[in-house]
Amino acid sequence: MGLAVFLILATLVSTSHAESDVFNPIHLLRPRSGSGGLRMEELDCQSWQLAVETNNLRPWKLVPASCEEYVGHYMLGQQYRNDCDLVADIAIEYAKSLKLAGDGKDIWVFDVDETSLSNLPYYTRSDVQFGALPYNSTKYHEWVMEGKAPPLPAVRRLYKVLLRLALVYKPKKRTELVNQGYRIVGNIGDQWSDLLGANAGNRTFKVPDPMYYVG
């Protein structure tokens, strides 16, 4: 038996079978490509994002108002796609190098929101503004129940590579899996809370997400 692939629902579960690129329906909302080194008054938004992605800034609740445009251009531009693709490439290279035990106990953990699936169509809305406005659980849950969250292309590509090495199972929690004798060889998510703590796995991979923080 090969590598078992697990989907861990770190937040509310949402499903989608969409095969179209996540960015196609919304990319025209903001035609710029990437952040372009955009600087805002009083706050260097690139430095703010670096602090967010490295988990040096924690916890934080909202995207600074002066960085809403920066985050929007980043998430809808080419740089976000390139960053996610690089994470996937590194993870695939690592997966192909693994020497599996062959007992079906080697697993890979996937986060869902902003990792396996993208809520970017929701975050582009004027009443969300890429996380610059306070989180509204009612509106977010309504969006989730629509079941329209498309897959993140880079992570879908990683998933398909792993499927060629594996059988698929559906688990609940990392600790429960480890207690059952599974070995977490890989773990990918958009939040540091997905990647830290007990039984995080032999190696973790983080995709960028400057829109919100989950502690």
Protein backbone atom coordinates (compact mmCIF):
# COMPACT_ATOMS: atom_id res chain seq x y z
CA MET A 1 0.00 0.00 0.00
CA GLY A 2 1.20 3.51 -0.69
CA LEU A 3 0.83 6.95 0.83
CA ALA A 4 -2.60 7.66 2.28
CA VAL A 5 -3.93 11.19 1.64
CA PHE A 6 -6.10 12.83 4.29
CA LEU A 7 -8.26 15.94 4.18
CA ILE A 8 -8.38 17.61 7.61
CA LEU A 9 -11.24 20.09 7.94
CA ALA A 10 -9.61 22.81 10.01
CA THR A 11 -12.59 25.12 9.66
CA LEU A 12 -16.14 24.65 8.38
CA VAL A 13 -16.21 21.96 5.71
CA SER A 14 -17.06 23.09 2.21
CA THR A 15 -16.90 21.05 -0.96
CA SER A 16 -16.49 21.80 -4.61
CA HIS A 17 -16.00 19.78 -7.76
CA ALA A 18 -15.12 22.82 -9.86
CA GLU A 19 -12.33 22.11 -12.30
CA SER A 20 -11.86 25.68 -13.57
CA ASP A 21 -8.93 27.79 -12.45
CA VAL A 22 -9.82 29.59 -9.21
CA PHE A 23 -8.72 32.96 -10.55
CA ASN A 24 -10.44 33.03 -13.94
CA PRO A 25 -13.89 34.30 -12.78
CA ILE A 26 -12.52 37.12 -10.65
CA HIS A 27 -9.12 38.10 -12.02
CA LEU A 28 -10.59 40.87 -14.17
CA LEU A 29 -11.82 42.67 -11.07
CA ARG A 30 -8.26 43.87 -10.53
CA PRO A 31 -6.19 43.83 -13.70
CA ARG A 32 -2.80 44.54 -12.13
CA SER A 33 -0.34 41.67 -11.88
CA GLY A 34 0.83 41.20 -8.33
CA SER A 35 1.57 43.90 -5.80
CA GLY A 36 4.18 45.64 -7.96
CA GLY A 37 5.97 46.78 -4.82
CA LEU A 38 2.97 48.92 -3.90
CA ARG A 39 3.70 51.01 -0.81
CA MET A 40 1.09 52.67 1.38
CA GLU A 41 1.39 55.70 3.61
CA GLU A 42 2.68 55.05 7.13
CA LEU A 43 2.83 51.26 6.71
CA ASP A 44 5.01 49.13 4.47
CA CYS A 45 2.52 46.48 3.41
CA GLN A 46 5.16 44.10 2.07
CA SER A 47 6.85 44.10 5.47
CA TRP A 48 3.48 43.61 7.15
CA GLN A 49 2.78 40.59 4.94
CA LEU A 50 6.22 39.13 5.68
CA ALA A 51 5.53 39.41 9.40
CA VAL A 52 2.17 37.68 8.88
CA GLU A 53 3.51 34.80 6.78
CA THR A 54 6.45 34.13 9.11
CA ASN A 55 4.11 34.15 12.13
CA ASN A 56 6.07 36.99 13.71
CA LEU A 57 2.89 39.08 13.90
CA ARG A 58 0.31 37.29 16.05
CA PRO A 59 -2.46 37.37 16.73
CA TRP A 60 -3.98 39.88 14.32
CA LYS A 61 -7.64 40.48 13.51
CA LEU A 62 -7.87 42.68 10.42
CA VAL A 63 -5.87 43.58 7.37
CA PRO A 64 -4.75 47.19 7.93
CA ALA A 65 -7.05 49.55 6.04
CA SER A 66 -4.07 51.03 4.20
CA CYS A 67 -3.09 47.54 2.95
CA GLU A 68 -6.49 46.39 1.65
CA GLU A 69 -5.57 47.37 -1.91
CA TYR A 70 -2.16 45.73 -1.59
CA VAL A 71 -3.65 42.46 -0.35
CA GLY A 72 -6.26 42.55 -3.10
CA HIS A 73 -3.66 42.99 -5.83
CA TYR A 74 -1.51 40.24 -4.30
CA MET A 75 -4.30 37.68 -3.96
CA LEU A 76 -5.69 38.30 -7.46
CA GLY A 77 -2.35 38.81 -9.15
CA GLN A 78 0.35 36.55 -10.53
CA GLN A 79 2.58 36.66 -7.43
CA TYR A 80 0.11 34.72 -5.26
CA ARG A 81 -0.16 32.06 -7.96
CA ASN A 82 3.63 31.84 -8.25
CA ASP A 83 4.06 31.60 -4.48
CA CYS A 84 1.52 28.77 -4.22
CA ASP A 85 3.08 26.95 -7.17
CA LEU A 86 6.50 27.10 -5.53
CA VAL A 87 5.12 25.60 -2.30
CA ALA A 88 3.51 22.80 -4.32
CA ASP A 89 6.70 22.16 -6.30
CA ILE A 90 8.76 21.84 -3.11
CA ALA A 91 6.15 19.57 -1.52
CA ILE A 92 6.01 17.34 -4.62
CA GLU A 93 9.78 17.04 -4.70
CA TYR A 94 9.74 16.05 -1.03
CA ALA A 95 6.90 13.53 -1.55
CA LYS A 96 8.72 11.82 -4.40
CA SER A 97 11.80 11.42 -2.21
CA LEU A 98 9.96 9.60 0.57
CA LYS A 99 10.70 5.96 1.31
CA LEU A 100 7.36 4.65 2.50
CA ALA A 101 6.95 1.75 4.87
CA GLY A 102 4.42 0.13 2.56
CA ASP A 103 1.93 -0.64 5.32
CA GLY A 104 -0.59 2.10 4.43
CA LYS A 105 0.19 4.06 7.59
CA ASP A 106 2.09 6.93 5.94
CA ILE A 107 -0.29 9.88 5.47
CA TRP A 108 -0.38 13.47 4.23
CA VAL A 109 -2.65 16.07 5.89
CA PHE A 110 -4.44 18.77 3.87
CA ASP A 111 -6.11 21.83 5.37
CA VAL A 112 -9.27 22.90 3.50
CA ASP A 113 -9.98 26.66 3.51
CA GLU A 114 -7.40 28.69 1.55
CA THR A 115 -5.42 25.47 0.97
CA SER A 116 -7.44 22.75 -0.73
CA LEU A 117 -10.28 25.15 -1.50
CA SER A 118 -10.16 28.92 -2.05
CA ASN A 119 -12.68 31.36 -0.62
CA LEU A 120 -11.21 34.16 -2.71
CA PRO A 121 -14.50 34.82 -4.54
CA TYR A 122 -15.98 35.61 -1.12
CA TYR A 123 -13.07 37.78 0.01
CA THR A 124 -13.27 39.95 -3.13
CA ARG A 125 -16.72 41.16 -2.10
CA SER A 126 -17.14 44.79 -1.10
CA ASP A 127 -18.54 43.75 2.30
CA VAL A 128 -15.39 41.73 3.06
CA GLN A 129 -12.58 43.67 1.35
CA PHE A 130 -9.93 40.96 1.59
CA GLY A 131 -10.16 40.80 5.38
CA ALA A 132 -9.99 44.55 5.98
CA LEU A 133 -13.53 44.48 7.45
CA PRO A 134 -14.52 42.57 10.62
CA TYR A 135 -15.33 38.89 10.16
CA ASN A 136 -19.04 38.17 9.78
CA SER A 137 -19.70 34.50 10.59
CA THR A 138 -23.25 34.59 9.22
CA LYS A 139 -22.20 35.87 5.81
CA TYR A 140 -19.25 33.51 5.67
CA HIS A 141 -21.32 30.45 6.54
CA GLU A 142 -23.89 31.45 3.92
CA TRP A 143 -21.09 31.55 1.36
CA VAL A 144 -19.78 28.15 2.47
CA MET A 145 -23.21 26.58 2.15
CA GLU A 146 -23.34 27.69 -1.49
CA GLY A 147 -20.63 25.09 -2.17
CA LYS A 148 -18.93 27.28 -4.77
CA ALA A 149 -15.43 27.47 -3.32
CA PRO A 150 -13.09 26.42 -6.16
CA PRO A 151 -9.97 24.31 -5.61
CA LEU A 152 -6.61 26.05 -5.27
CA PRO A 153 -4.83 24.96 -8.48
CA ALA A 154 -1.36 24.46 -6.98
CA VAL A 155 -2.62 22.36 -4.08
CA ARG A 156 -4.92 20.37 -6.37
CA ARG A 157 -1.84 19.57 -8.44
CA LEU A 158 -0.01 18.36 -5.32
CA TYR A 159 -3.04 16.26 -4.36
CA LYS A 160 -3.17 14.59 -7.77
CA VAL A 161 0.52 13.71 -7.58
CA LEU A 162 -0.01 12.15 -4.16
CA LEU A 163 -2.98 10.16 -5.46
CA ARG A 164 -0.67 8.46 -7.92
CA LEU A 165 1.38 7.29 -4.93
CA ALA A 166 -1.53 6.37 -2.67
CA LEU A 167 -4.91 5.22 -1.51
CA VAL A 168 -7.35 7.83 -0.12
CA TYR A 169 -8.89 7.78 3.33
CA LYS A 170 -11.00 10.31 5.27
CA PRO A 171 -9.84 11.09 8.84
CA LYS A 172 -10.91 13.36 11.67
CA LYS A 173 -7.97 14.67 13.66
CA ARG A 174 -4.19 14.35 13.47
CA THR A 175 -3.81 13.05 17.00
CA GLU A 176 -6.46 10.41 16.49
CA LEU A 177 -4.65 9.28 13.37
CA VAL A 178 -1.33 9.04 15.15
CA ASN A 179 -2.97 7.12 17.99
CA GLN A 180 -4.22 4.67 15.39
CA GLY A 181 -0.67 4.10 14.26
CA TYR A 182 -0.48 6.42 11.25
CA ARG A 183 2.66 8.40 10.48
CA ILE A 184 2.12 11.95 9.21
CA VAL A 185 4.85 12.42 6.63
CA GLY A 186 3.50 15.70 5.19
CA ASN A 187 1.15 18.50 6.24
CA ILE A 188 0.04 21.54 4.21
CA GLY A 189 -2.08 24.49 5.31
CA ASP A 190 -2.52 28.25 5.11
CA GLN A 191 -2.43 28.98 8.87
CA TRP A 192 0.38 28.36 11.34
CA SER A 193 -2.22 26.80 13.62
CA ASP A 194 -2.54 24.08 10.94
CA LEU A 195 1.17 23.37 11.14
CA LEU A 196 2.22 23.78 14.78
CA GLY A 197 1.46 21.76 17.90
CA ALA A 198 1.39 18.04 18.53
CA ASN A 199 1.72 15.58 15.67
CA ALA A 200 2.32 18.24 13.02
CA GLY A 201 4.13 15.75 10.80
CA ASN A 202 7.64 15.09 9.55
CA ARG A 203 7.51 18.15 7.32
CA THR A 204 5.06 21.04 6.96
CA PHE A 205 4.30 23.35 4.02
CA LYS A 206 2.53 26.72 4.25
CA VAL A 207 0.69 28.45 1.41
CA PRO A 208 0.35 32.24 1.77
CA ASP A 209 -2.74 33.82 3.30
CA PRO A 210 -2.59 37.50 4.32
CA MET A 211 -6.40 37.80 4.56
CA TYR A 212 -7.06 36.39 8.04
CA TYR A 213 -5.45 34.81 11.10
CA VAL A 214 -6.61 31.69 12.94
CA GLY A 215 -4.97 31.17 16.32
